[in-house]
N, C-alpha and C. Protein backbone atom coordinates (compact mmCIF):
# COMPACT_ATOMS: atom_id res chain seq x y z
N MET A 1 -56.96 17.43 -52.73
CA MET A 1 -58.33 17.39 -53.09
C MET A 1 -59.16 19.27 -53.54
N SER A 2 -59.43 19.13 -54.79
CA SER A 2 -59.95 20.72 -55.12
C SER A 2 -61.19 20.70 -54.90
N VAL A 3 -61.43 21.25 -54.15
CA VAL A 3 -62.92 21.96 -54.38
C VAL A 3 -63.41 23.01 -54.60
N LEU A 4 -64.94 22.82 -55.32
CA LEU A 4 -65.32 24.54 -55.83
C LEU A 4 -65.99 25.15 -54.70
N ALA A 5 -65.67 25.97 -53.38
CA ALA A 5 -66.47 26.98 -52.51
C ALA A 5 -67.15 27.32 -53.05
N VAL A 6 -68.80 27.15 -52.21
CA VAL A 6 -69.84 27.57 -53.03
C VAL A 6 -70.54 28.08 -51.88
N HIS A 7 -71.78 29.70 -51.98
CA HIS A 7 -72.42 29.79 -50.70
C HIS A 7 -73.71 29.44 -50.63
N ALA A 8 -74.32 28.73 -49.59
CA ALA A 8 -75.79 28.42 -50.10
C ALA A 8 -76.30 28.33 -48.32
N GLY A 9 -77.43 28.82 -48.13
CA GLY A 9 -78.10 29.31 -47.10
C GLY A 9 -77.37 29.55 -46.87
N GLY A 10 -76.45 30.50 -46.63
CA GLY A 10 -75.69 31.03 -45.58
C GLY A 10 -74.97 30.40 -44.58
N ALA A 11 -73.99 29.60 -45.46
CA ALA A 11 -72.53 28.90 -45.17
C ALA A 11 -72.22 28.55 -46.75
N GLU A 12 -70.52 28.18 -45.98
CA GLU A 12 -70.03 27.82 -47.16
C GLU A 12 -70.01 26.15 -47.45
N PHE A 13 -69.65 26.23 -48.27
CA PHE A 13 -69.42 24.78 -48.55
C PHE A 13 -68.94 24.00 -50.33
N GLY A 14 -67.87 22.84 -49.97
CA GLY A 14 -66.89 22.47 -50.72
C GLY A 14 -67.72 21.36 -51.39
N ILE A 15 -67.84 21.49 -52.98
CA ILE A 15 -68.37 20.68 -53.88
C ILE A 15 -67.04 19.74 -54.88
N PRO A 16 -66.81 19.10 -54.75
CA PRO A 16 -65.37 17.78 -54.89
C PRO A 16 -65.36 18.73 -56.65
N ALA A 17 -64.24 19.09 -56.65
CA ALA A 17 -64.10 19.95 -58.48
C ALA A 17 -64.15 18.77 -59.28
N ASP A 18 -63.70 17.49 -59.27
CA ASP A 18 -63.89 16.14 -60.53
C ASP A 18 -64.88 16.25 -60.74
N ARG A 19 -66.10 16.98 -59.62
CA ARG A 19 -67.52 16.37 -60.15
C ARG A 19 -68.14 17.89 -60.59
N VAL A 20 -67.61 18.72 -60.73
CA VAL A 20 -68.31 20.26 -61.18
C VAL A 20 -68.06 19.94 -63.58
N ARG A 21 -69.05 20.06 -63.49
CA ARG A 21 -69.11 19.93 -65.29
C ARG A 21 -68.39 21.79 -65.40
N GLU A 22 -69.69 21.83 -65.13
CA GLU A 22 -69.72 24.10 -65.51
C GLU A 22 -70.80 24.61 -64.42
N VAL A 23 -70.15 25.70 -64.45
CA VAL A 23 -70.62 27.09 -63.71
C VAL A 23 -71.24 28.12 -64.97
N LEU A 24 -72.41 28.35 -64.16
CA LEU A 24 -73.21 28.96 -65.60
C LEU A 24 -74.60 30.22 -64.95
N ARG A 25 -75.01 31.19 -65.27
CA ARG A 25 -75.97 31.77 -64.84
C ARG A 25 -77.78 30.81 -64.86
N PRO A 26 -77.90 30.53 -64.09
CA PRO A 26 -79.20 29.72 -64.13
C PRO A 26 -80.10 30.19 -65.31
N PRO A 27 -80.63 28.82 -66.65
CA PRO A 27 -81.48 29.15 -67.29
C PRO A 27 -82.91 29.50 -66.79
N PRO A 28 -84.01 29.46 -67.85
CA PRO A 28 -85.53 29.56 -67.36
C PRO A 28 -85.55 28.39 -66.92
N LEU A 29 -86.12 27.68 -66.11
CA LEU A 29 -86.52 26.43 -65.18
C LEU A 29 -88.18 26.01 -65.87
N THR A 30 -88.63 24.85 -65.90
CA THR A 30 -89.68 24.28 -65.83
C THR A 30 -90.30 23.44 -64.85
N ARG A 31 -91.27 23.95 -64.67
CA ARG A 31 -91.75 23.44 -63.07
C ARG A 31 -92.43 22.24 -63.30
N VAL A 32 -92.17 20.54 -62.57
CA VAL A 32 -92.26 19.50 -63.27
C VAL A 32 -93.60 19.36 -62.03
N PRO A 33 -94.40 18.37 -62.87
CA PRO A 33 -95.75 18.54 -61.20
C PRO A 33 -94.65 17.08 -60.42
N ALA A 34 -95.07 16.93 -58.95
CA ALA A 34 -94.94 16.11 -58.27
C ALA A 34 -93.17 15.81 -58.01
N PRO A 35 -92.30 17.26 -58.05
CA PRO A 35 -90.76 16.92 -58.37
C PRO A 35 -90.23 15.89 -57.46
N PRO A 36 -89.31 15.08 -57.00
CA PRO A 36 -88.39 14.95 -56.09
C PRO A 36 -88.12 15.60 -54.86
N PRO A 37 -88.18 15.06 -53.47
CA PRO A 37 -87.66 16.28 -52.74
C PRO A 37 -86.07 17.72 -53.09
N GLY A 38 -86.57 18.59 -53.27
CA GLY A 38 -85.20 19.14 -53.74
C GLY A 38 -85.07 20.13 -54.78
N ILE A 39 -85.48 19.47 -55.68
CA ILE A 39 -85.96 19.83 -56.90
C ILE A 39 -86.72 20.49 -57.57
N LEU A 40 -86.25 22.00 -58.45
CA LEU A 40 -87.32 22.94 -58.46
C LEU A 40 -87.55 22.74 -59.67
N GLY A 41 -87.03 21.69 -60.99
CA GLY A 41 -87.71 21.54 -62.24
C GLY A 41 -86.39 21.53 -62.46
N VAL A 42 -86.80 21.90 -63.94
CA VAL A 42 -85.87 21.33 -65.13
C VAL A 42 -85.39 22.50 -65.93
N ALA A 43 -84.17 21.97 -66.14
CA ALA A 43 -83.56 23.10 -67.84
C ALA A 43 -82.63 22.57 -68.54
N GLN A 44 -82.73 23.10 -69.23
CA GLN A 44 -81.58 22.60 -71.36
C GLN A 44 -80.45 23.96 -70.89
N VAL A 45 -79.80 22.93 -70.76
CA VAL A 45 -77.91 23.51 -71.00
C VAL A 45 -77.33 22.48 -72.04
N ARG A 46 -76.90 23.33 -72.47
CA ARG A 46 -76.00 22.73 -73.89
C ARG A 46 -76.88 21.30 -74.67
N GLY A 47 -78.38 21.81 -74.60
CA GLY A 47 -79.30 20.57 -75.52
C GLY A 47 -79.50 19.55 -74.52
N THR A 48 -78.85 19.56 -73.35
CA THR A 48 -79.38 18.48 -72.18
C THR A 48 -80.20 19.56 -71.16
N VAL A 49 -81.80 18.16 -70.94
CA VAL A 49 -82.52 18.12 -69.87
C VAL A 49 -82.13 17.97 -68.18
N LEU A 50 -81.68 18.90 -67.49
CA LEU A 50 -81.21 18.50 -66.41
C LEU A 50 -82.28 19.19 -64.94
N ALA A 51 -81.92 18.26 -63.92
CA ALA A 51 -82.85 18.44 -63.19
C ALA A 51 -82.11 19.36 -61.91
N VAL A 52 -82.85 20.26 -61.53
CA VAL A 52 -82.19 21.25 -60.91
C VAL A 52 -82.35 21.48 -59.69
N MET A 53 -81.72 21.70 -58.74
CA MET A 53 -81.91 21.97 -57.00
C MET A 53 -81.39 22.58 -56.37
N ASP A 54 -82.18 23.09 -55.44
CA ASP A 54 -81.73 24.42 -54.52
C ASP A 54 -81.50 24.10 -53.34
N LEU A 55 -79.89 23.42 -53.61
CA LEU A 55 -78.88 23.75 -52.85
C LEU A 55 -79.10 24.29 -51.42
N GLY A 56 -79.55 25.58 -51.20
CA GLY A 56 -80.18 26.19 -49.75
C GLY A 56 -81.00 25.08 -49.38
N ALA A 57 -82.22 24.93 -49.79
CA ALA A 57 -83.05 24.02 -49.51
C ALA A 57 -83.01 23.10 -49.06
N ARG A 58 -81.99 21.99 -50.24
CA ARG A 58 -82.38 20.82 -50.06
C ARG A 58 -81.25 20.63 -48.98
N LEU A 59 -80.41 21.31 -48.24
CA LEU A 59 -79.17 21.32 -46.72
C LEU A 59 -80.49 21.55 -45.40
N GLY A 60 -81.55 21.98 -46.13
CA GLY A 60 -82.89 23.06 -45.04
C GLY A 60 -81.99 24.22 -44.62
N MET A 61 -81.88 24.96 -45.17
CA MET A 61 -81.37 25.97 -44.94
C MET A 61 -82.42 27.64 -45.85
N ALA A 62 -82.01 28.63 -45.96
CA ALA A 62 -82.85 29.47 -46.91
C ALA A 62 -82.86 28.90 -48.00
N PRO A 63 -83.77 29.17 -48.77
CA PRO A 63 -83.42 28.79 -50.67
C PRO A 63 -82.29 30.02 -51.04
N VAL A 64 -81.98 29.42 -52.05
CA VAL A 64 -81.47 30.65 -52.36
C VAL A 64 -81.90 32.00 -53.66
N ALA A 65 -80.77 33.05 -53.37
CA ALA A 65 -81.28 33.93 -54.34
C ALA A 65 -81.48 33.60 -55.71
N SER A 66 -82.87 34.51 -56.19
CA SER A 66 -82.80 34.22 -57.32
C SER A 66 -81.73 34.92 -58.29
N ASP A 67 -80.90 35.41 -58.07
CA ASP A 67 -79.59 35.99 -58.82
C ASP A 67 -78.51 35.15 -58.90
N GLY A 68 -78.38 33.74 -58.27
CA GLY A 68 -77.39 32.93 -57.84
C GLY A 68 -76.72 32.41 -59.06
N ARG A 69 -76.27 31.42 -59.15
CA ARG A 69 -75.21 30.98 -60.13
C ARG A 69 -76.11 29.23 -60.27
N LEU A 70 -75.69 28.51 -61.00
CA LEU A 70 -76.37 27.14 -61.19
C LEU A 70 -75.15 26.28 -61.20
N VAL A 71 -74.18 25.30 -60.30
CA VAL A 71 -73.64 24.80 -60.51
C VAL A 71 -73.46 23.01 -60.88
N VAL A 72 -72.96 23.25 -62.34
CA VAL A 72 -73.81 22.16 -62.99
C VAL A 72 -72.71 21.11 -62.79
N VAL A 73 -73.33 19.42 -61.97
CA VAL A 73 -72.41 18.35 -61.37
C VAL A 73 -72.69 17.33 -62.63
N TRP A 74 -71.63 16.02 -62.26
CA TRP A 74 -72.15 15.11 -62.39
C TRP A 74 -72.39 14.17 -61.56
N GLY A 75 -73.56 13.40 -62.65
CA GLY A 75 -74.42 12.89 -60.91
C GLY A 75 -74.10 11.37 -61.09
N ARG A 76 -74.53 10.35 -60.35
CA ARG A 76 -74.90 9.40 -60.65
C ARG A 76 -74.76 8.30 -62.49
N GLY A 77 -73.52 8.07 -62.65
CA GLY A 77 -74.31 7.27 -64.01
C GLY A 77 -73.76 8.18 -65.08
N ARG A 78 -73.21 9.64 -64.75
CA ARG A 78 -72.58 10.21 -65.38
C ARG A 78 -73.60 11.45 -65.56
N GLU A 79 -74.88 11.35 -65.62
CA GLU A 79 -75.79 11.99 -65.80
C GLU A 79 -75.85 13.64 -64.53
N ALA A 80 -75.95 14.43 -65.67
CA ALA A 80 -75.22 16.05 -65.06
C ALA A 80 -76.99 15.97 -64.47
N VAL A 81 -76.04 17.57 -63.14
CA VAL A 81 -77.47 17.43 -62.13
C VAL A 81 -77.12 18.79 -62.10
N GLY A 82 -78.21 19.99 -61.73
CA GLY A 82 -77.60 21.32 -61.75
C GLY A 82 -78.54 22.13 -60.28
N LEU A 83 -77.21 22.27 -59.65
CA LEU A 83 -77.48 22.61 -58.16
C LEU A 83 -77.15 24.45 -58.08
N LEU A 84 -78.72 24.81 -57.57
CA LEU A 84 -78.43 26.61 -57.38
C LEU A 84 -77.95 26.81 -56.49
N VAL A 85 -76.80 28.09 -56.47
CA VAL A 85 -76.11 28.38 -55.65
C VAL A 85 -76.29 29.75 -55.40
N ASP A 86 -76.02 30.21 -54.13
CA ASP A 86 -75.84 31.92 -54.29
C ASP A 86 -74.78 33.00 -54.84
N ARG A 87 -73.88 32.06 -54.84
CA ARG A 87 -72.05 32.67 -55.47
C ARG A 87 -71.35 31.35 -55.39
N VAL A 88 -70.07 31.92 -56.39
CA VAL A 88 -69.65 31.01 -55.81
C VAL A 88 -68.36 31.23 -55.95
N VAL A 89 -68.04 31.02 -54.74
CA VAL A 89 -66.29 31.75 -53.90
C VAL A 89 -65.19 31.19 -54.73
N GLY A 90 -64.67 30.04 -55.38
CA GLY A 90 -63.98 29.66 -56.21
C GLY A 90 -63.15 28.75 -55.96
N LEU A 91 -62.41 27.91 -56.16
CA LEU A 91 -61.23 26.84 -55.82
C LEU A 91 -60.51 26.92 -54.76
N ALA A 92 -60.95 25.51 -54.13
CA ALA A 92 -60.10 25.96 -52.59
C ALA A 92 -59.51 24.57 -52.88
N GLU A 93 -58.11 24.40 -51.93
CA GLU A 93 -57.54 22.61 -51.50
C GLU A 93 -57.88 22.60 -50.12
N ALA A 94 -58.40 21.22 -50.34
CA ALA A 94 -58.85 20.75 -48.73
C ALA A 94 -58.16 19.35 -49.10
N GLU A 95 -58.10 18.85 -48.28
CA GLU A 95 -57.73 17.23 -47.77
C GLU A 95 -59.33 16.65 -47.31
N ASP A 96 -59.63 15.52 -47.92
CA ASP A 96 -60.34 14.56 -48.40
C ASP A 96 -60.79 14.47 -46.14
N GLY A 97 -62.00 15.41 -45.57
CA GLY A 97 -62.06 15.10 -44.42
C GLY A 97 -60.90 15.10 -43.55
N GLU A 98 -60.57 16.50 -43.72
CA GLU A 98 -59.32 17.23 -42.98
C GLU A 98 -59.61 17.18 -41.83
N SER A 99 -61.34 17.48 -41.20
CA SER A 99 -61.35 17.36 -39.11
C SER A 99 -62.69 17.17 -39.66
N ALA A 100 -63.07 16.37 -38.87
CA ALA A 100 -64.46 16.15 -38.62
C ALA A 100 -65.68 17.48 -38.53
N PRO A 101 -66.36 17.20 -39.02
CA PRO A 101 -67.80 18.52 -39.02
C PRO A 101 -68.19 18.41 -37.09
N PRO A 102 -67.97 19.60 -37.01
CA PRO A 102 -68.41 20.45 -35.82
C PRO A 102 -69.91 19.80 -35.27
N ALA A 103 -69.99 18.43 -34.24
CA ALA A 103 -71.59 18.77 -33.85
C ALA A 103 -72.96 19.44 -34.05
N GLU A 104 -72.19 20.87 -34.55
CA GLU A 104 -73.61 21.43 -34.77
C GLU A 104 -73.62 21.40 -35.97
N ALA A 105 -73.07 21.20 -36.84
CA ALA A 105 -73.14 21.47 -38.54
C ALA A 105 -74.31 20.18 -38.59
N GLU A 106 -73.11 18.91 -37.80
CA GLU A 106 -73.42 17.83 -38.29
C GLU A 106 -74.99 17.04 -38.27
N ALA A 107 -75.27 18.43 -36.57
CA ALA A 107 -76.89 17.93 -36.22
C ALA A 107 -77.99 18.73 -37.20
N ALA A 108 -77.44 19.66 -37.88
CA ALA A 108 -78.01 20.51 -38.53
C ALA A 108 -78.83 19.99 -39.86
N LEU A 109 -78.01 18.82 -40.59
CA LEU A 109 -78.44 18.41 -42.13
C LEU A 109 -78.41 16.69 -41.44
N PRO A 110 -78.64 16.32 -42.40
CA PRO A 110 -79.00 14.35 -42.62
C PRO A 110 -78.03 14.07 -42.09
N ALA A 111 -77.66 13.08 -41.43
CA ALA A 111 -76.76 11.79 -41.44
C ALA A 111 -75.44 11.99 -42.32
N GLY A 112 -74.89 12.11 -42.35
CA GLY A 112 -73.53 11.57 -43.04
C GLY A 112 -73.44 12.53 -44.55
N TRP A 113 -74.31 13.81 -44.61
CA TRP A 113 -74.18 14.59 -45.54
C TRP A 113 -73.09 15.26 -45.92
N LEU A 114 -72.34 15.76 -44.46
CA LEU A 114 -71.27 16.46 -44.34
C LEU A 114 -69.53 15.20 -44.55
N ALA A 115 -69.06 15.56 -45.57
CA ALA A 115 -68.16 14.35 -45.31
C ALA A 115 -66.03 14.94 -44.48
N GLY A 116 -66.68 16.54 -44.12
CA GLY A 116 -65.50 17.15 -43.16
C GLY A 116 -65.27 18.43 -43.20
N VAL A 117 -64.64 19.48 -42.29
CA VAL A 117 -64.37 20.33 -43.08
C VAL A 117 -63.10 20.72 -43.41
N SER A 118 -62.48 21.74 -43.98
CA SER A 118 -62.00 22.57 -44.01
C SER A 118 -61.35 23.99 -43.70
N ALA A 119 -60.17 24.43 -44.05
CA ALA A 119 -59.78 25.39 -43.78
C ALA A 119 -58.55 26.02 -44.50
N PRO A 120 -59.16 26.57 -45.69
CA PRO A 120 -58.43 26.72 -47.05
C PRO A 120 -57.38 28.14 -46.44
N ALA A 121 -57.65 28.86 -45.75
CA ALA A 121 -57.47 29.91 -45.28
C ALA A 121 -57.55 30.75 -43.64
N PRO A 122 -56.19 31.15 -42.92
CA PRO A 122 -57.26 31.03 -41.31
C PRO A 122 -58.46 32.24 -41.19
N GLY A 123 -58.70 31.91 -40.26
CA GLY A 123 -60.10 32.45 -40.27
C GLY A 123 -61.32 31.81 -40.88
N ARG A 124 -61.69 30.92 -42.09
CA ARG A 124 -62.09 30.51 -43.18
C ARG A 124 -62.01 28.96 -42.76
N ARG A 125 -63.58 28.68 -42.99
CA ARG A 125 -63.96 27.16 -43.01
C ARG A 125 -64.61 26.79 -44.22
N VAL A 126 -64.63 25.74 -44.77
CA VAL A 126 -65.51 25.21 -45.80
C VAL A 126 -66.02 23.60 -45.48
N ALA A 127 -67.32 23.63 -45.12
CA ALA A 127 -68.08 22.22 -45.04
C ALA A 127 -68.22 21.20 -46.46
N LEU A 128 -66.76 20.11 -45.97
CA LEU A 128 -67.06 19.58 -47.41
C LEU A 128 -68.83 18.71 -47.69
N LEU A 129 -69.27 18.46 -48.89
CA LEU A 129 -69.78 17.81 -48.82
C LEU A 129 -70.10 16.78 -49.65
N HIS A 130 -70.85 15.51 -48.58
CA HIS A 130 -71.12 14.30 -49.18
C HIS A 130 -72.01 14.04 -50.58
N LEU A 131 -71.16 14.83 -51.84
CA LEU A 131 -71.98 15.03 -52.53
C LEU A 131 -72.97 13.41 -53.20
N GLU A 132 -72.90 12.53 -53.11
CA GLU A 132 -73.65 12.00 -53.62
C GLU A 132 -74.81 11.43 -52.37
N ARG A 133 -74.77 11.43 -51.52
CA ARG A 133 -75.74 11.44 -50.43
C ARG A 133 -76.65 12.47 -50.30
N VAL A 134 -75.85 13.98 -50.85
CA VAL A 134 -76.48 15.49 -50.98
C VAL A 134 -77.80 15.44 -52.47
N LEU A 135 -77.37 14.64 -53.18
CA LEU A 135 -77.96 14.48 -54.56
C LEU A 135 -78.87 13.45 -53.98
N GLY A 136 -78.86 12.20 -53.01
CA GLY A 136 -80.18 11.34 -52.65
C GLY A 136 -79.44 10.11 -53.60
N GLU A 137 -78.43 9.53 -53.59
CA GLU A 137 -77.69 9.15 -55.09
C GLU A 137 -76.88 7.35 -54.54
N GLU A 138 -77.15 7.42 -53.00
CA GLU A 138 -77.26 6.55 -51.85
C GLU A 138 -77.09 6.57 -50.25
N ALA A 139 -77.46 5.62 -49.85
CA ALA A 139 -78.34 5.71 -48.52
C ALA A 139 -77.31 6.34 -47.64
N THR A 140 -78.16 7.31 -46.96
CA THR A 140 -76.98 7.46 -46.09
C THR A 140 -76.69 6.26 -44.30
């Protein structure tokens, strides 16, 4: 399976490539009152209003830098959601759940948010995200 490798919160994560619609510079955000957890606000992208989530903050890590990138992913019901990340590394090949996540990585995130860990190159590890759970689309 192909994943889009991104940096957020000081770590490298993999987002299933078939869920990625596009990657772009973040457009201006409009803050909304009392947003759901992790939602920074909304942005207009190609005529569509998207909820925008800071992936680093959502994962309980450092918030994303202001000069990051917006990864637009397909959410539940094919609705798009924007994920702010520090930077996009590129595409990588990974086997779904190639190896179990290390205990310390699983302990740092809510249960079930990591689908596994892949090693696309020697000395490089990519934590594969269970996107539905990170987006809050299914119970953990």
